[in-house]
Each structure stands twice: as structure tokens, then as C-alpha cells.
């Protein structure tokens, strides 16, 4: 028996209304995690779309805002994507719940100087280092504080790479996944910039989830653990990430 179109719309609307909207926070605005906020392009948006196909309970939306605004009691009732316990002062993992080790990542030092090498932190002395404004670079803070290197701030990691292409800085700091995206989308980077070998700060990106919503963690983990979710996550990683 065919369902009348009006009744179909009613069922569909009821289904959508029944879902609770959950904001998945991202506190940086850089590819491949966020490529275009207006058109909702990037790994984060594809990830939310896959969860929405899976979940019977939640409707997930991506919200990008600075970390200090996210890490408040009101906002942290949901989840934060692609972060790490060390970055949110939760190394013992007691403040928040976690879905760990989803994306391999590294902090890179990149340069346009083909002859530059990295032996230790002294290799960066007297260099101009392009960084993102308001980011904390734990390995470099003492260097900047003691005036052993010059920090020049720009608004995002794409601008860091461009500063180096234009030779307005000696070194830049970017993430591996972001740099790989730039290599695919900015052809000049492949021929003109290199990674300084010898520096290796590897880590994993994970998902932070509020302890007040254990059912939210269960919902996301159910997708990761399902056969469909495993296949879709592999597809997303192949599309967006070096893995």
C-alpha cells in the first residue's frame, strides 16, 4: 500500500524532530578538517554526515569556535573533535571521556631553505619563525621568551606556508595532515618547501566527550565499531588524510 505523500512528510518531519541536535566542536579552522565553513567542506563535515546517517538519536552539526569558548561548562556538554588530552589539560583522562587515537599527526618545521637542517633546538636560533596567532608552541616558547628566535604571527597555517613561499620567514610550524593537504592543493609547495628532518613530535588526534553525556560516546562508538562505520571511516581517511 502506498503511503500518501502528506503522511510521508509527516513521518519524516516527526523523525527529524525526534532527534536531539548535538554540536560537535572544532577549535581550529584549517584543512583537511575544515576546508570551507560556508559550503561545509572538509573531513569534519563528512564525519558528521556519516554519523547522521547512522544515529537514530542525534543530529550532529559542526561548530567551529576558539578553544577558550568551547572549554566552558556550558559548551563542553557535548564533544570536541580532533583534539588531544594534553591540549585540554586532561592527560590522566579523568575530566572528560575520550575516543582515542583516530588520526596520526605530527608537528612539522618547514622551510624554503634547501640547506637548512635540524640538529636540536639551537638550529632555530636567530631564525624568523612563522606561527599561527594565539597558538601555543610548547617546544618553542622558551626560545621566543629568551629572544633566541623571532616569532611572526599569521592568521592560519595556510598563511604560514605562504610566508615561506614568499620568503618572509625562515621556518614555519604546521601540522602534517594540513601540510599534506597543502601539497595536494598548492603546487608550488612541493617544489619550494621542505620538512626539516630530525624533529619528530608525533601525536594522535582524538575525540573529547563530556562525561555528562555517556550515551553520546556510545552513539559515536557504535558507528566506529559497526561494519558500515568502519568502511565509511576508512573512506573518509582515504579521501582526506595521510594515514
C-alpha atoms as a PDB file:
ATOM      1  CA  UNK A   1       0.000   0.000   0.000  1.00  0.00           C
ATOM      2  CA  UNK A   2       1.323   3.397  -0.943  1.00  0.00           C
ATOM      3  CA  UNK A   3       1.691   5.977   1.819  1.00  0.00           C
ATOM      4  CA  UNK A   4       0.093   9.334   0.876  1.00  0.00           C
ATOM      5  CA  UNK A   5       2.756  11.983   0.264  1.00  0.00           C
ATOM      6  CA  UNK A   6       1.437  14.273   3.012  1.00  0.00           C
ATOM      7  CA  UNK A   7       1.587  11.409   5.513  1.00  0.00           C
ATOM      8  CA  UNK A   8       5.133  10.586   4.361  1.00  0.00           C
ATOM      9  CA  UNK A   9       6.182  14.169   5.064  1.00  0.00           C
ATOM     10  CA  UNK A  10       4.586  13.964   8.489  1.00  0.00           C
ATOM     11  CA  UNK A  11       6.502  10.793   9.332  1.00  0.00           C
ATOM     12  CA  UNK A  12       9.742  12.300   8.026  1.00  0.00           C
ATOM     13  CA  UNK A  13       9.260  15.525   9.971  1.00  0.00           C
ATOM     14  CA  UNK A  14       8.434  13.624  13.135  1.00  0.00           C
ATOM     15  CA  UNK A  15      11.585  11.561  12.730  1.00  0.00           C
ATOM     16  CA  UNK A  16      13.737  14.670  12.363  1.00  0.00           C
ATOM     17  CA  UNK A  17      12.125  16.412  15.299  1.00  0.00           C
ATOM     18  CA  UNK A  18      12.694  13.356  17.482  1.00  0.00           C
ATOM     19  CA  UNK A  19      16.465  13.638  17.057  1.00  0.00           C
ATOM     20  CA  UNK A  20      18.406  15.770  19.531  1.00  0.00           C
ATOM     21  CA  UNK A  21      20.835  18.217  17.929  1.00  0.00           C
ATOM     22  CA  UNK A  22      24.406  17.744  19.110  1.00  0.00           C
ATOM     23  CA  UNK A  23      27.127  20.291  18.362  1.00  0.00           C
ATOM     24  CA  UNK A  24      30.481  18.746  17.522  1.00  0.00           C
ATOM     25  CA  UNK A  25      33.042  21.453  18.229  1.00  0.00           C
ATOM     26  CA  UNK A  26      36.239  22.062  16.285  1.00  0.00           C
ATOM     27  CA  UNK A  27      38.508  24.790  17.636  1.00  0.00           C
ATOM     28  CA  UNK A  28      40.756  25.301  14.611  1.00  0.00           C
ATOM     29  CA  UNK A  29      39.902  26.407  11.100  1.00  0.00           C
ATOM     30  CA  UNK A  30      42.284  24.534   8.834  1.00  0.00           C
ATOM     31  CA  UNK A  31      42.198  21.817   6.197  1.00  0.00           C
ATOM     32  CA  UNK A  32      41.612  18.977   5.849  1.00  0.00           C
ATOM     33  CA  UNK A  33      39.458  19.169   8.982  1.00  0.00           C
ATOM     34  CA  UNK A  34      37.640  22.311   7.830  1.00  0.00           C
ATOM     35  CA  UNK A  35      38.168  23.426   4.235  1.00  0.00           C
ATOM     36  CA  UNK A  36      35.140  25.682   3.672  1.00  0.00           C
ATOM     37  CA  UNK A  37      32.785  26.591   6.505  1.00  0.00           C
ATOM     38  CA  UNK A  38      30.214  28.243   4.251  1.00  0.00           C
ATOM     39  CA  UNK A  39      29.792  25.214   1.983  1.00  0.00           C
ATOM     40  CA  UNK A  40      30.528  22.722   4.794  1.00  0.00           C
ATOM     41  CA  UNK A  41      33.508  21.096   3.090  1.00  0.00           C
ATOM     42  CA  UNK A  42      36.097  19.062   4.960  1.00  0.00           C
ATOM     43  CA  UNK A  43      36.651  15.914   6.992  1.00  0.00           C
ATOM     44  CA  UNK A  44      34.652  17.239   9.956  1.00  0.00           C
ATOM     45  CA  UNK A  45      31.524  17.831   7.867  1.00  0.00           C
ATOM     46  CA  UNK A  46      31.785  14.447   6.154  1.00  0.00           C
ATOM     47  CA  UNK A  47      32.241  12.812   9.546  1.00  0.00           C
ATOM     48  CA  UNK A  48      29.100  14.486  10.932  1.00  0.00           C
ATOM     49  CA  UNK A  49      27.125  13.480   7.830  1.00  0.00           C
ATOM     50  CA  UNK A  50      28.159   9.842   8.284  1.00  0.00           C
ATOM     51  CA  UNK A  51      27.137   9.921  11.947  1.00  0.00           C
ATOM     52  CA  UNK A  52      23.772  11.406  10.983  1.00  0.00           C
ATOM     53  CA  UNK A  53      23.109   8.524   8.620  1.00  0.00           C
ATOM     54  CA  UNK A  54      23.852   6.118  11.455  1.00  0.00           C
ATOM     55  CA  UNK A  55      22.284   7.727  14.503  1.00  0.00           C
ATOM     56  CA  UNK A  56      18.671   7.210  15.471  1.00  0.00           C
ATOM     57  CA  UNK A  57      19.043   9.570  18.426  1.00  0.00           C
ATOM     58  CA  UNK A  58      21.139  12.578  17.440  1.00  0.00           C
ATOM     59  CA  UNK A  59      21.513  15.074  14.638  1.00  0.00           C
ATOM     60  CA  UNK A  60      25.157  16.174  14.570  1.00  0.00           C
ATOM     61  CA  UNK A  61      26.294  19.621  13.430  1.00  0.00           C
ATOM     62  CA  UNK A  62      29.812  21.050  13.198  1.00  0.00           C
ATOM     63  CA  UNK A  63      30.544  24.263  15.103  1.00  0.00           C
ATOM     64  CA  UNK A  64      33.922  25.960  14.818  1.00  0.00           C
ATOM     65  CA  UNK A  65      34.949  28.421  17.531  1.00  0.00           C
ATOM     66  CA  UNK A  66      38.074  29.259  19.576  1.00  0.00           C
ATOM     67  CA  UNK A  67      39.132  26.743  22.196  1.00  0.00           C
ATOM     68  CA  UNK A  68      38.633  29.025  25.239  1.00  0.00           C
ATOM     69  CA  UNK A  69      34.977  29.452  24.305  1.00  0.00           C
ATOM     70  CA  UNK A  70      34.479  25.725  23.799  1.00  0.00           C
ATOM     71  CA  UNK A  71      36.081  24.652  27.041  1.00  0.00           C
ATOM     72  CA  UNK A  72      33.431  26.166  29.249  1.00  0.00           C
ATOM     73  CA  UNK A  73      30.929  24.374  31.401  1.00  0.00           C
ATOM     74  CA  UNK A  74      28.032  25.221  29.073  1.00  0.00           C
ATOM     75  CA  UNK A  75      29.598  24.148  25.789  1.00  0.00           C
ATOM     76  CA  UNK A  76      31.536  21.115  26.919  1.00  0.00           C
ATOM     77  CA  UNK A  77      28.313  19.178  27.461  1.00  0.00           C
ATOM     78  CA  UNK A  78      28.838  17.660  24.020  1.00  0.00           C
ATOM     79  CA  UNK A  79      32.047  16.765  22.141  1.00  0.00           C
ATOM     80  CA  UNK A  80      35.230  18.254  20.688  1.00  0.00           C
ATOM     81  CA  UNK A  81      36.708  16.727  17.542  1.00  0.00           C
ATOM     82  CA  UNK A  82      40.349  16.106  16.660  1.00  0.00           C
ATOM     83  CA  UNK A  83      41.947  17.162  19.931  1.00  0.00           C
ATOM     84  CA  UNK A  84      44.303  15.519  22.404  1.00  0.00           C
ATOM     85  CA  UNK A  85      44.282  15.073  26.200  1.00  0.00           C
ATOM     86  CA  UNK A  86      47.461  17.162  26.578  1.00  0.00           C
ATOM     87  CA  UNK A  87      45.891  20.153  24.831  1.00  0.00           C
ATOM     88  CA  UNK A  88      42.928  20.357  27.183  1.00  0.00           C
ATOM     89  CA  UNK A  89      44.783  19.674  30.433  1.00  0.00           C
ATOM     90  CA  UNK A  90      43.450  16.132  30.762  1.00  0.00           C
ATOM     91  CA  UNK A  91      46.495  13.871  30.440  1.00  0.00           C
ATOM     92  CA  UNK A  92      45.110  11.487  33.124  1.00  0.00           C
ATOM     93  CA  UNK A  93      41.832  11.454  31.112  1.00  0.00           C
ATOM     94  CA  UNK A  94      39.700  11.985  34.203  1.00  0.00           C
ATOM     95  CA  UNK A  95      37.974  15.252  33.288  1.00  0.00           C
ATOM     96  CA  UNK A  96      36.498  14.019  30.010  1.00  0.00           C
ATOM     97  CA  UNK A  97      35.662  10.816  28.192  1.00  0.00           C
ATOM     98  CA  UNK A  98      37.710  10.023  25.089  1.00  0.00           C
ATOM     99  CA  UNK A  99      37.626   8.127  21.813  1.00  0.00           C
ATOM    100  CA  UNK A 100      41.350   7.844  21.340  1.00  0.00           C
ATOM    101  CA  UNK A 101      43.935   7.641  18.577  1.00  0.00           C
ATOM    102  CA  UNK A 102      41.839   8.284  15.487  1.00  0.00           C
ATOM    103  CA  UNK A 103      44.219  10.355  13.345  1.00  0.00           C
ATOM    104  CA  UNK A 104      48.044  10.140  13.305  1.00  0.00           C
ATOM    105  CA  UNK A 105      49.577  13.606  13.347  1.00  0.00           C
ATOM    106  CA  UNK A 106      52.929  15.376  13.646  1.00  0.00           C
ATOM    107  CA  UNK A 107      54.065  18.912  14.260  1.00  0.00           C
ATOM    108  CA  UNK A 108      56.354  19.907  11.394  1.00  0.00           C
ATOM    109  CA  UNK A 109      59.009  22.546  10.935  1.00  0.00           C
ATOM    110  CA  UNK A 110      59.058  23.530   7.273  1.00  0.00           C
ATOM    111  CA  UNK A 111      61.389  25.832   5.358  1.00  0.00           C
ATOM    112  CA  UNK A 112      62.249  27.187   1.908  1.00  0.00           C
ATOM    113  CA  UNK A 113      65.988  26.872   2.655  1.00  0.00           C
ATOM    114  CA  UNK A 114      67.224  23.694   0.964  1.00  0.00           C
ATOM    115  CA  UNK A 115      70.446  23.780   3.000  1.00  0.00           C
ATOM    116  CA  UNK A 116      68.851  24.123   6.421  1.00  0.00           C
ATOM    117  CA  UNK A 117      68.926  21.115   8.751  1.00  0.00           C
ATOM    118  CA  UNK A 118      67.647  20.463  12.254  1.00  0.00           C
ATOM    119  CA  UNK A 119      70.031  19.044  14.846  1.00  0.00           C
ATOM    120  CA  UNK A 120      68.420  20.379  18.009  1.00  0.00           C
ATOM    121  CA  UNK A 121      66.581  23.476  19.214  1.00  0.00           C
ATOM    122  CA  UNK A 122      69.719  25.576  18.659  1.00  0.00           C
ATOM    123  CA  UNK A 123      69.221  25.041  14.912  1.00  0.00           C
ATOM    124  CA  UNK A 124      66.358  27.542  15.203  1.00  0.00           C
ATOM    125  CA  UNK A 125      68.396  30.273  16.894  1.00  0.00           C
ATOM    126  CA  UNK A 126      68.261  33.662  15.155  1.00  0.00           C
ATOM    127  CA  UNK A 127      65.545  32.437  12.773  1.00  0.00           C
ATOM    128  CA  UNK A 128      62.233  34.083  11.971  1.00  0.00           C
ATOM    129  CA  UNK A 129      59.522  31.512  12.666  1.00  0.00           C
ATOM    130  CA  UNK A 130      56.026  31.842  11.186  1.00  0.00           C
ATOM    131  CA  UNK A 131      53.309  30.689  13.586  1.00  0.00           C
ATOM    132  CA  UNK A 132      49.559  30.980  13.989  1.00  0.00           C
ATOM    133  CA  UNK A 133      48.341  33.774  16.229  1.00  0.00           C
ATOM    134  CA  UNK A 134      47.176  32.607  19.693  1.00  0.00           C
ATOM    135  CA  UNK A 135      48.579  29.094  19.218  1.00  0.00           C
ATOM    136  CA  UNK A 136      50.851  27.768  21.960  1.00  0.00           C
ATOM    137  CA  UNK A 137      54.007  26.026  20.730  1.00  0.00           C
ATOM    138  CA  UNK A 138      55.369  24.278  23.817  1.00  0.00           C
ATOM    139  CA  UNK A 139      58.753  23.427  22.313  1.00  0.00           C
ATOM    140  CA  UNK A 140      59.335  26.997  21.130  1.00  0.00           C
ATOM    141  CA  UNK A 141      58.005  29.154  23.964  1.00  0.00           C
ATOM    142  CA  UNK A 142      61.347  29.355  25.803  1.00  0.00           C
ATOM    143  CA  UNK A 143      63.072  30.216  22.525  1.00  0.00           C
ATOM    144  CA  UNK A 144      60.741  33.161  21.938  1.00  0.00           C
ATOM    145  CA  UNK A 145      60.789  34.276  25.580  1.00  0.00           C
ATOM    146  CA  UNK A 146      64.601  34.443  25.585  1.00  0.00           C
ATOM    147  CA  UNK A 147      64.696  36.274  22.228  1.00  0.00           C
ATOM    148  CA  UNK A 148      66.629  33.461  20.607  1.00  0.00           C
ATOM    149  CA  UNK A 149      64.238  33.426  17.648  1.00  0.00           C
ATOM    150  CA  UNK A 150      61.665  35.828  16.242  1.00  0.00           C
ATOM    151  CA  UNK A 151      58.018  34.778  16.224  1.00  0.00           C
ATOM    152  CA  UNK A 152      55.901  36.253  13.433  1.00  0.00           C
ATOM    153  CA  UNK A 153      52.181  35.552  13.742  1.00  0.00           C
ATOM    154  CA  UNK A 154      49.708  34.969  10.919  1.00  0.00           C
ATOM    155  CA  UNK A 155      46.024  34.016  10.986  1.00  0.00           C
ATOM    156  CA  UNK A 156      46.201  30.373   9.873  1.00  0.00           C
ATOM    157  CA  UNK A 157      48.515  27.600   8.674  1.00  0.00           C
ATOM    158  CA  UNK A 158      47.931  28.368   5.012  1.00  0.00           C
ATOM    159  CA  UNK A 159      49.364  31.814   5.681  1.00  0.00           C
ATOM    160  CA  UNK A 160      52.355  30.135   7.369  1.00  0.00           C
ATOM    161  CA  UNK A 161      53.081  28.186   4.182  1.00  0.00           C
ATOM    162  CA  UNK A 162      52.622  31.277   2.014  1.00  0.00           C
ATOM    163  CA  UNK A 163      55.003  33.273   4.244  1.00  0.00           C
ATOM    164  CA  UNK A 164      57.659  30.695   3.477  1.00  0.00           C
ATOM    165  CA  UNK A 165      56.913  30.618  -0.244  1.00  0.00           C
ATOM    166  CA  UNK A 166      57.340  34.407  -0.288  1.00  0.00           C
ATOM    167  CA  UNK A 167      60.492  34.042   1.867  1.00  0.00           C
ATOM    168  CA  UNK A 168      59.138  36.295   4.593  1.00  0.00           C
ATOM    169  CA  UNK A 169      60.145  33.826   7.305  1.00  0.00           C
ATOM    170  CA  UNK A 170      62.871  31.204   7.675  1.00  0.00           C
ATOM    171  CA  UNK A 171      60.785  28.442   9.250  1.00  0.00           C
ATOM    172  CA  UNK A 172      57.091  27.705   9.698  1.00  0.00           C
ATOM    173  CA  UNK A 173      55.181  25.395  12.012  1.00  0.00           C
ATOM    174  CA  UNK A 174      52.318  23.338  10.541  1.00  0.00           C
ATOM    175  CA  UNK A 175      50.614  20.021  11.168  1.00  0.00           C
ATOM    176  CA  UNK A 176      51.436  17.019   8.994  1.00  0.00           C
ATOM    177  CA  UNK A 177      47.853  16.429   7.814  1.00  0.00           C
ATOM    178  CA  UNK A 178      47.452  20.103   6.918  1.00  0.00           C
ATOM    179  CA  UNK A 179      50.800  20.241   5.125  1.00  0.00           C
ATOM    180  CA  UNK A 180      49.903  17.158   3.098  1.00  0.00           C
ATOM    181  CA  UNK A 181      46.648  18.851   2.071  1.00  0.00           C
ATOM    182  CA  UNK A 182      48.579  21.961   1.012  1.00  0.00           C
ATOM    183  CA  UNK A 183      50.946  19.829  -1.063  1.00  0.00           C
ATOM    184  CA  UNK A 184      47.929  18.469  -2.941  1.00  0.00           C
ATOM    185  CA  UNK A 185      46.286  21.859  -3.478  1.00  0.00           C
ATOM    186  CA  UNK A 186      49.166  24.401  -3.712  1.00  0.00           C
ATOM    187  CA  UNK A 187      51.568  23.073  -6.382  1.00  0.00           C
ATOM    188  CA  UNK A 188      54.411  25.477  -5.549  1.00  0.00           C
ATOM    189  CA  UNK A 189      54.791  23.918  -2.111  1.00  0.00           C
ATOM    190  CA  UNK A 190      56.056  20.592  -3.499  1.00  0.00           C
ATOM    191  CA  UNK A 191      58.978  22.213  -5.305  1.00  0.00           C
ATOM    192  CA  UNK A 192      59.839  25.024  -2.909  1.00  0.00           C
ATOM    193  CA  UNK A 193      59.295  23.900   0.680  1.00  0.00           C
ATOM    194  CA  UNK A 194      60.752  21.013   2.649  1.00  0.00           C
ATOM    195  CA  UNK A 195      60.248  19.434   6.058  1.00  0.00           C
ATOM    196  CA  UNK A 196      63.176  19.805   8.442  1.00  0.00           C
ATOM    197  CA  UNK A 197      64.156  16.251   9.324  1.00  0.00           C
ATOM    198  CA  UNK A 198      65.463  15.499  12.782  1.00  0.00           C
ATOM    199  CA  UNK A 199      62.482  16.997  14.604  1.00  0.00           C
ATOM    200  CA  UNK A 200      59.781  14.464  15.377  1.00  0.00           C
ATOM    201  CA  UNK A 201      56.818  15.405  17.539  1.00  0.00           C
ATOM    202  CA  UNK A 202      54.166  12.787  16.799  1.00  0.00           C
ATOM    203  CA  UNK A 203      50.770  12.534  18.440  1.00  0.00           C
ATOM    204  CA  UNK A 204      47.232  11.327  17.807  1.00  0.00           C
ATOM    205  CA  UNK A 205      44.033  13.296  17.313  1.00  0.00           C
ATOM    206  CA  UNK A 206      41.108  12.012  19.352  1.00  0.00           C
ATOM    207  CA  UNK A 207      37.538  12.959  20.265  1.00  0.00           C
ATOM    208  CA  UNK A 208      36.742  14.515  23.642  1.00  0.00           C
ATOM    209  CA  UNK A 209      33.266  13.801  25.010  1.00  0.00           C
ATOM    210  CA  UNK A 210      31.637  15.265  28.092  1.00  0.00           C
ATOM    211  CA  UNK A 211      31.259  12.850  31.000  1.00  0.00           C
ATOM    212  CA  UNK A 212      27.722  14.212  31.422  1.00  0.00           C
ATOM    213  CA  UNK A 213      26.634  12.517  28.168  1.00  0.00           C
ATOM    214  CA  UNK A 214      27.849   8.883  28.193  1.00  0.00           C
ATOM    215  CA  UNK A 215      25.102   7.997  25.695  1.00  0.00           C
ATOM    216  CA  UNK A 216      26.763  10.348  23.208  1.00  0.00           C
ATOM    217  CA  UNK A 217      30.009   8.401  23.399  1.00  0.00           C
ATOM    218  CA  UNK A 218      28.057   5.180  22.976  1.00  0.00           C
ATOM    219  CA  UNK A 219      26.376   6.513  19.840  1.00  0.00           C
ATOM    220  CA  UNK A 220      29.625   7.610  18.187  1.00  0.00           C
ATOM    221  CA  UNK A 221      31.480   4.451  19.197  1.00  0.00           C
ATOM    222  CA  UNK A 222      28.642   2.335  17.830  1.00  0.00           C
ATOM    223  CA  UNK A 223      29.272   3.897  14.400  1.00  0.00           C
ATOM    224  CA  UNK A 224      33.050   3.357  14.614  1.00  0.00           C
ATOM    225  CA  UNK A 225      32.524  -0.273  15.630  1.00  0.00           C
ATOM    226  CA  UNK A 226      29.881  -1.133  13.046  1.00  0.00           C
ATOM    227  CA  UNK A 227      30.850  -2.719   9.736  1.00  0.00           C
ATOM    228  CA  UNK A 228      29.377   0.243   7.851  1.00  0.00           C
ATOM    229  CA  UNK A 229      31.116   2.730  10.107  1.00  0.00           C
ATOM    230  CA  UNK A 230      34.489   1.021   9.717  1.00  0.00           C
ATOM    231  CA  UNK A 231      34.115   1.109   5.943  1.00  0.00           C
ATOM    232  CA  UNK A 232      32.971   4.747   5.915  1.00  0.00           C
ATOM    233  CA  UNK A 233      35.757   5.865   8.265  1.00  0.00           C
ATOM    234  CA  UNK A 234      38.334   4.211   6.016  1.00  0.00           C
ATOM    235  CA  UNK A 235      36.791   6.020   3.038  1.00  0.00           C
ATOM    236  CA  UNK A 236      36.964   9.354   4.875  1.00  0.00           C
ATOM    237  CA  UNK A 237      40.592   8.797   5.838  1.00  0.00           C
ATOM    238  CA  UNK A 238      41.480   7.853   2.270  1.00  0.00           C
ATOM    239  CA  UNK A 239      39.777  10.989   0.968  1.00  0.00           C
ATOM    240  CA  UNK A 240      41.172  13.498   3.464  1.00  0.00           C
ATOM    241  CA  UNK A 241      44.188  12.141   5.346  1.00  0.00           C
ATOM    242  CA  UNK A 242      47.658  10.746   5.112  1.00  0.00           C
ATOM    243  CA  UNK A 243      47.385   7.532   7.137  1.00  0.00           C
END
